[in-house]
Amino acid sequence: MQGVVLSEDAAPFIPKLLERGVIANATAGTVIRLVPPFIITRSDVDELHSALTAVFASA
Protein backbone atom coordinates (compact mmCIF):
# COMPACT_ATOMS: atom_id res chain seq x y z
CA MET A 1 0.00 0.00 0.00
CA GLN A 2 1.26 3.45 -0.91
CA GLY A 3 -0.02 6.92 -0.16
CA VAL A 4 0.39 10.14 -2.07
CA VAL A 5 0.07 13.10 0.28
CA LEU A 6 -1.30 16.24 -1.36
CA SER A 7 -1.51 19.83 -0.19
CA GLU A 8 -5.21 19.88 -1.13
CA ASP A 9 -8.26 17.63 -0.94
CA ALA A 10 -7.64 14.29 -2.65
CA ALA A 11 -11.29 13.40 -3.40
CA PRO A 12 -11.59 15.28 -6.74
CA PHE A 13 -8.66 13.34 -8.16
CA ILE A 14 -10.16 9.88 -7.58
CA PRO A 15 -12.73 9.89 -10.44
CA LYS A 16 -10.13 11.32 -12.81
CA LEU A 17 -7.72 8.51 -11.94
CA LEU A 18 -10.48 5.94 -12.41
CA GLU A 19 -11.13 7.32 -15.91
CA ARG A 20 -7.49 6.51 -16.65
CA GLY A 21 -7.76 2.99 -15.27
CA VAL A 22 -6.22 3.62 -11.85
CA ILE A 23 -8.23 2.37 -8.89
CA ALA A 24 -7.49 4.50 -5.83
CA ASN A 25 -9.33 6.09 -2.95
CA ALA A 26 -9.03 9.23 -0.88
CA THR A 27 -8.18 8.81 2.78
CA ALA A 28 -7.46 11.30 5.54
CA GLY A 29 -8.65 14.13 3.30
CA THR A 30 -5.39 14.85 1.51
CA VAL A 31 -4.08 11.32 0.89
CA ILE A 32 -4.57 9.20 -2.22
CA ARG A 33 -4.22 5.52 -1.30
CA LEU A 34 -2.90 3.12 -3.94
CA VAL A 35 -2.80 -0.63 -3.48
CA PRO A 36 -0.81 -2.06 -6.40
CA PRO A 37 -0.75 -5.79 -7.11
CA PHE A 38 1.90 -7.91 -5.42
CA ILE A 39 3.51 -8.54 -8.81
CA ILE A 40 3.82 -5.33 -10.79
CA THR A 41 5.74 -4.71 -14.00
CA ARG A 42 7.77 -1.70 -14.99
CA SER A 43 5.13 -1.01 -17.64
CA ASP A 44 2.43 -0.91 -14.94
CA VAL A 45 4.46 1.58 -12.93
CA ASP A 46 5.01 3.72 -16.03
CA GLU A 47 1.25 3.73 -16.74
CA LEU A 48 0.51 4.75 -13.15
CA HIS A 49 3.09 7.53 -13.33
CA SER A 50 1.61 8.82 -16.59
CA ALA A 51 -1.92 8.80 -15.13
CA LEU A 52 -0.87 10.59 -11.95
CA THR A 53 1.12 13.18 -13.89
CA ALA A 54 -1.76 13.89 -16.26
CA VAL A 55 -4.35 14.14 -13.48
CA PHE A 56 -2.21 16.44 -11.34
CA ALA A 57 -1.32 18.61 -14.34
CA SER A 58 -5.01 19.12 -15.12
CA ALA A 59 -5.73 20.48 -11.63
PDB file of N, CA and C in Angstrom:
ATOM      1  N   MET A   1       0.849  -1.164   0.000  1.00  0.00           N
ATOM      2  CA  MET A   1       0.000   0.000   0.000  1.00  0.00           C
ATOM      3  C   MET A   1       0.901   1.235   0.000  1.00  0.00           C
ATOM      4  N   GLN A   2       0.506   2.205  -0.822  1.00  0.00           N
ATOM      5  CA  GLN A   2       1.262   3.447  -0.914  1.00  0.00           C
ATOM      6  C   GLN A   2       0.301   4.617  -0.785  1.00  0.00           C
ATOM      7  N   GLY A   3       0.785   5.710  -0.270  1.00  0.00           N
ATOM      8  CA  GLY A   3      -0.016   6.916  -0.163  1.00  0.00           C
ATOM      9  C   GLY A   3       0.679   8.083  -0.822  1.00  0.00           C
ATOM     10  N   VAL A   4      -0.105   8.903  -1.479  1.00  0.00           N
ATOM     11  CA  VAL A   4       0.391  10.142  -2.066  1.00  0.00           C
ATOM     12  C   VAL A   4      -0.247  11.273  -1.265  1.00  0.00           C
ATOM     13  N   VAL A   5       0.569  12.019  -0.556  1.00  0.00           N
ATOM     14  CA  VAL A   5       0.068  13.102   0.276  1.00  0.00           C
ATOM     15  C   VAL A   5       0.055  14.389  -0.547  1.00  0.00           C
ATOM     16  N   LEU A   6      -1.116  15.012  -0.589  1.00  0.00           N
ATOM     17  CA  LEU A   6      -1.295  16.243  -1.363  1.00  0.00           C
ATOM     18  C   LEU A   6      -1.430  17.438  -0.425  1.00  0.00           C
ATOM     19  N   SER A   7      -1.311  18.618  -0.973  1.00  0.00           N
ATOM     20  CA  SER A   7      -1.515  19.829  -0.186  1.00  0.00           C
ATOM     21  C   SER A   7      -2.958  20.317  -0.294  1.00  0.00           C
ATOM     22  N   GLU A   8      -3.798  19.541  -0.982  1.00  0.00           N
ATOM     23  CA  GLU A   8      -5.212  19.884  -1.131  1.00  0.00           C
ATOM     24  C   GLU A   8      -6.044  18.615  -1.018  1.00  0.00           C
ATOM     25  N   ASP A   9      -7.351  18.759  -1.065  1.00  0.00           N
ATOM     26  CA  ASP A   9      -8.264  17.627  -0.938  1.00  0.00           C
ATOM     27  C   ASP A   9      -8.020  16.616  -2.054  1.00  0.00           C
ATOM     28  N   ALA A  10      -7.938  15.351  -1.691  1.00  0.00           N
ATOM     29  CA  ALA A  10      -7.639  14.289  -2.649  1.00  0.00           C
ATOM     30  C   ALA A  10      -8.875  13.788  -3.400  1.00  0.00           C
ATOM     31  N   ALA A  11     -10.060  13.978  -2.836  1.00  0.00           N
ATOM     32  CA  ALA A  11     -11.285  13.400  -3.404  1.00  0.00           C
ATOM     33  C   ALA A  11     -11.539  13.751  -4.873  1.00  0.00           C
ATOM     34  N   PRO A  12     -11.320  14.979  -5.327  1.00  0.00           N
ATOM     35  CA  PRO A  12     -11.595  15.284  -6.737  1.00  0.00           C
ATOM     36  C   PRO A  12     -10.697  14.526  -7.732  1.00  0.00           C
ATOM     37  N   PHE A  13      -9.574  14.041  -7.273  1.00  0.00           N
ATOM     38  CA  PHE A  13      -8.658  13.340  -8.162  1.00  0.00           C
ATOM     39  C   PHE A  13      -9.060  11.881  -8.404  1.00  0.00           C
ATOM     40  N   ILE A  14      -9.835  11.308  -7.504  1.00  0.00           N
ATOM     41  CA  ILE A  14     -10.160   9.881  -7.581  1.00  0.00           C
ATOM     42  C   ILE A  14     -10.940   9.524  -8.842  1.00  0.00           C
ATOM     43  N   PRO A  15     -12.023  10.238  -9.193  1.00  0.00           N
ATOM     44  CA  PRO A  15     -12.734   9.886 -10.438  1.00  0.00           C
ATOM     45  C   PRO A  15     -11.881  10.080 -11.683  1.00  0.00           C
ATOM     46  N   LYS A  16     -11.015  11.080 -11.661  1.00  0.00           N
ATOM     47  CA  LYS A  16     -10.134  11.324 -12.807  1.00  0.00           C
ATOM     48  C   LYS A  16      -9.133  10.183 -12.975  1.00  0.00           C
ATOM     49  N   LEU A  17      -8.629   9.654 -11.872  1.00  0.00           N
ATOM     50  CA  LEU A  17      -7.717   8.510 -11.938  1.00  0.00           C
ATOM     51  C   LEU A  17      -8.458   7.277 -12.441  1.00  0.00           C
ATOM     52  N   LEU A  18      -9.680   7.090 -11.976  1.00  0.00           N
ATOM     53  CA  LEU A  18     -10.483   5.940 -12.411  1.00  0.00           C
ATOM     54  C   LEU A  18     -10.731   5.988 -13.917  1.00  0.00           C
ATOM     55  N   GLU A  19     -10.962   7.167 -14.456  1.00  0.00           N
ATOM     56  CA  GLU A  19     -11.131   7.323 -15.907  1.00  0.00           C
ATOM     57  C   GLU A  19      -9.895   6.845 -16.662  1.00  0.00           C
ATOM     58  N   ARG A  20      -8.751   6.932 -16.023  1.00  0.00           N
ATOM     59  CA  ARG A  20      -7.491   6.510 -16.651  1.00  0.00           C
ATOM     60  C   ARG A  20      -7.092   5.093 -16.267  1.00  0.00           C
ATOM     61  N   GLY A  21      -8.004   4.383 -15.588  1.00  0.00           N
ATOM     62  CA  GLY A  21      -7.757   2.986 -15.270  1.00  0.00           C
ATOM     63  C   GLY A  21      -7.030   2.740 -13.967  1.00  0.00           C
ATOM     64  N   VAL A  22      -6.910   3.767 -13.139  1.00  0.00           N
ATOM     65  CA  VAL A  22      -6.222   3.624 -11.850  1.00  0.00           C
ATOM     66  C   VAL A  22      -7.270   3.585 -10.742  1.00  0.00           C
ATOM     67  N   ILE A  23      -7.312   2.490 -10.009  1.00  0.00           N
ATOM     68  CA  ILE A  23      -8.227   2.371  -8.888  1.00  0.00           C
ATOM     69  C   ILE A  23      -7.509   2.867  -7.637  1.00  0.00           C
ATOM     70  N   ALA A  24      -8.079   3.892  -7.030  1.00  0.00           N
ATOM     71  CA  ALA A  24      -7.492   4.495  -5.832  1.00  0.00           C
ATOM     72  C   ALA A  24      -8.634   5.017  -4.976  1.00  0.00           C
ATOM     73  N   ASN A  25      -8.328   5.424  -3.762  1.00  0.00           N
ATOM     74  CA  ASN A  25      -9.329   6.092  -2.947  1.00  0.00           C
ATOM     75  C   ASN A  25      -8.681   7.190  -2.110  1.00  0.00           C
ATOM     76  N   ALA A  26      -9.510   8.108  -1.685  1.00  0.00           N
ATOM     77  CA  ALA A  26      -9.030   9.228  -0.881  1.00  0.00           C
ATOM     78  C   ALA A  26      -9.189   8.871   0.589  1.00  0.00           C
ATOM     79  N   THR A  27      -8.142   9.063   1.343  1.00  0.00           N
ATOM     80  CA  THR A  27      -8.177   8.806   2.776  1.00  0.00           C
ATOM     81  C   THR A  27      -7.585  10.005   3.496  1.00  0.00           C
ATOM     82  N   ALA A  28      -7.999  10.221   4.698  1.00  0.00           N
ATOM     83  CA  ALA A  28      -7.461  11.300   5.540  1.00  0.00           C
ATOM     84  C   ALA A  28      -7.521  12.665   4.852  1.00  0.00           C
ATOM     85  N   GLY A  29      -8.454  12.833   3.937  1.00  0.00           N
ATOM     86  CA  GLY A  29      -8.649  14.126   3.297  1.00  0.00           C
ATOM     87  C   GLY A  29      -7.671  14.459   2.196  1.00  0.00           C
ATOM     88  N   THR A  30      -6.387  14.425   2.498  1.00  0.00           N
ATOM     89  CA  THR A  30      -5.390  14.845   1.511  1.00  0.00           C
ATOM     90  C   THR A  30      -4.507  13.701   1.014  1.00  0.00           C
ATOM     91  N   VAL A  31      -4.913  12.472   1.262  1.00  0.00           N
ATOM     92  CA  VAL A  31      -4.081  11.320   0.887  1.00  0.00           C
ATOM     93  C   VAL A  31      -4.792  10.465  -0.154  1.00  0.00           C
ATOM     94  N   ILE A  32      -4.084  10.160  -1.233  1.00  0.00           N
ATOM     95  CA  ILE A  32      -4.570   9.200  -2.221  1.00  0.00           C
ATOM     96  C   ILE A  32      -3.916   7.863  -1.893  1.00  0.00           C
ATOM     97  N   ARG A  33      -4.748   6.854  -1.635  1.00  0.00           N
ATOM     98  CA  ARG A  33      -4.223   5.520  -1.298  1.00  0.00           C
ATOM     99  C   ARG A  33      -4.225   4.657  -2.550  1.00  0.00           C
ATOM    100  N   LEU A  34      -3.084   4.038  -2.808  1.00  0.00           N
ATOM    101  CA  LEU A  34      -2.896   3.124  -3.938  1.00  0.00           C
ATOM    102  C   LEU A  34      -2.510   1.755  -3.382  1.00  0.00           C
ATOM    103  N   VAL A  35      -3.128   0.726  -3.907  1.00  0.00           N
ATOM    104  CA  VAL A  35      -2.795  -0.634  -3.484  1.00  0.00           C
ATOM    105  C   VAL A  35      -2.460  -1.429  -4.748  1.00  0.00           C
ATOM    106  N   PRO A  36      -1.200  -1.358  -5.181  1.00  0.00           N
ATOM    107  CA  PRO A  36      -0.807  -2.063  -6.397  1.00  0.00           C
ATOM    108  C   PRO A  36      -0.784  -3.575  -6.175  1.00  0.00           C
ATOM    109  N   PRO A  37      -0.830  -4.332  -7.259  1.00  0.00           N
ATOM    110  CA  PRO A  37      -0.749  -5.787  -7.113  1.00  0.00           C
ATOM    111  C   PRO A  37       0.610  -6.206  -6.553  1.00  0.00           C
ATOM    112  N   PHE A  38       0.654  -7.391  -5.981  1.00  0.00           N
ATOM    113  CA  PHE A  38       1.905  -7.906  -5.423  1.00  0.00           C
ATOM    114  C   PHE A  38       2.975  -8.009  -6.505  1.00  0.00           C
ATOM    115  N   ILE A  39       2.579  -8.455  -7.675  1.00  0.00           N
ATOM    116  CA  ILE A  39       3.506  -8.540  -8.807  1.00  0.00           C
ATOM    117  C   ILE A  39       3.142  -7.414  -9.766  1.00  0.00           C
ATOM    118  N   ILE A  40       4.073  -6.491  -9.943  1.00  0.00           N
ATOM    119  CA  ILE A  40       3.821  -5.333 -10.789  1.00  0.00           C
ATOM    120  C   ILE A  40       5.000  -5.171 -11.745  1.00  0.00           C
ATOM    121  N   THR A  41       4.693  -4.851 -12.985  1.00  0.00           N
ATOM    122  CA  THR A  41       5.742  -4.705 -13.995  1.00  0.00           C
ATOM    123  C   THR A  41       6.168  -3.246 -14.117  1.00  0.00           C
ATOM    124  N   ARG A  42       7.280  -3.058 -14.735  1.00  0.00           N
ATOM    125  CA  ARG A  42       7.772  -1.701 -14.991  1.00  0.00           C
ATOM    126  C   ARG A  42       6.762  -0.933 -15.849  1.00  0.00           C
ATOM    127  N   SER A  43       6.146  -1.622 -16.781  1.00  0.00           N
ATOM    128  CA  SER A  43       5.134  -1.014 -17.640  1.00  0.00           C
ATOM    129  C   SER A  43       3.941  -0.528 -16.811  1.00  0.00           C
ATOM    130  N   ASP A  44       3.527  -1.313 -15.828  1.00  0.00           N
ATOM    131  CA  ASP A  44       2.430  -0.914 -14.940  1.00  0.00           C
ATOM    132  C   ASP A  44       2.789   0.360 -14.167  1.00  0.00           C
ATOM    133  N   VAL A  45       3.997   0.409 -13.678  1.00  0.00           N
ATOM    134  CA  VAL A  45       4.461   1.585 -12.930  1.00  0.00           C
ATOM    135  C   VAL A  45       4.504   2.805 -13.847  1.00  0.00           C
ATOM    136  N   ASP A  46       4.972   2.613 -15.067  1.00  0.00           N
ATOM    137  CA  ASP A  46       5.009   3.716 -16.034  1.00  0.00           C
ATOM    138  C   ASP A  46       3.606   4.238 -16.340  1.00  0.00           C
ATOM    139  N   GLU A  47       2.635   3.326 -16.485  1.00  0.00           N
ATOM    140  CA  GLU A  47       1.246   3.734 -16.736  1.00  0.00           C
ATOM    141  C   GLU A  47       0.687   4.514 -15.551  1.00  0.00           C
ATOM    142  N   LEU A  48       0.965   4.048 -14.344  1.00  0.00           N
ATOM    143  CA  LEU A  48       0.515   4.750 -13.148  1.00  0.00           C
ATOM    144  C   LEU A  48       1.127   6.143 -13.085  1.00  0.00           C
ATOM    145  N   HIS A  49       2.403   6.235 -13.344  1.00  0.00           N
ATOM    146  CA  HIS A  49       3.091   7.526 -13.329  1.00  0.00           C
ATOM    147  C   HIS A  49       2.477   8.482 -14.343  1.00  0.00           C
ATOM    148  N   SER A  50       2.209   7.981 -15.539  1.00  0.00           N
ATOM    149  CA  SER A  50       1.606   8.817 -16.585  1.00  0.00           C
ATOM    150  C   SER A  50       0.220   9.310 -16.163  1.00  0.00           C
ATOM    151  N   ALA A  51      -0.572   8.419 -15.575  1.00  0.00           N
ATOM    152  CA  ALA A  51      -1.918   8.796 -15.134  1.00  0.00           C
ATOM    153  C   ALA A  51      -1.849   9.848 -14.032  1.00  0.00           C
ATOM    154  N   LEU A  52      -0.998   9.625 -13.042  1.00  0.00           N
ATOM    155  CA  LEU A  52      -0.866  10.592 -11.947  1.00  0.00           C
ATOM    156  C   LEU A  52      -0.385  11.950 -12.469  1.00  0.00           C
ATOM    157  N   THR A  53       0.595  11.935 -13.332  1.00  0.00           N
ATOM    158  CA  THR A  53       1.124  13.185 -13.894  1.00  0.00           C
ATOM    159  C   THR A  53       0.051  13.939 -14.643  1.00  0.00           C
ATOM    160  N   ALA A  54      -0.715  13.238 -15.474  1.00  0.00           N
ATOM    161  CA  ALA A  54      -1.765  13.887 -16.260  1.00  0.00           C
ATOM    162  C   ALA A  54      -2.863  14.464 -15.377  1.00  0.00           C
ATOM    163  N   VAL A  55      -3.273  13.690 -14.373  1.00  0.00           N
ATOM    164  CA  VAL A  55      -4.349  14.142 -13.482  1.00  0.00           C
ATOM    165  C   VAL A  55      -3.897  15.343 -12.662  1.00  0.00           C
ATOM    166  N   PHE A  56      -2.688  15.312 -12.145  1.00  0.00           N
ATOM    167  CA  PHE A  56      -2.209  16.436 -11.337  1.00  0.00           C
ATOM    168  C   PHE A  56      -1.973  17.669 -12.208  1.00  0.00           C
ATOM    169  N   ALA A  57      -1.553  17.478 -13.442  1.00  0.00           N
ATOM    170  CA  ALA A  57      -1.321  18.609 -14.340  1.00  0.00           C
ATOM    171  C   ALA A  57      -2.628  19.293 -14.729  1.00  0.00           C
ATOM    172  N   SER A  58      -3.725  18.542 -14.735  1.00  0.00           N
ATOM    173  CA  SER A  58      -5.009  19.119 -15.120  1.00  0.00           C
ATOM    174  C   SER A  58      -5.694  19.866 -13.973  1.00  0.00           C
ATOM    175  N   ALA A  59      -5.103  19.811 -12.799  1.00  0.00           N
ATOM    176  CA  ALA A  59      -5.729  20.478 -11.626  1.00  0.00           C
ATOM    177  C   ALA A  59      -5.469  21.953 -11.600  1.00  0.00           C
TER     178      ALA A  59
END
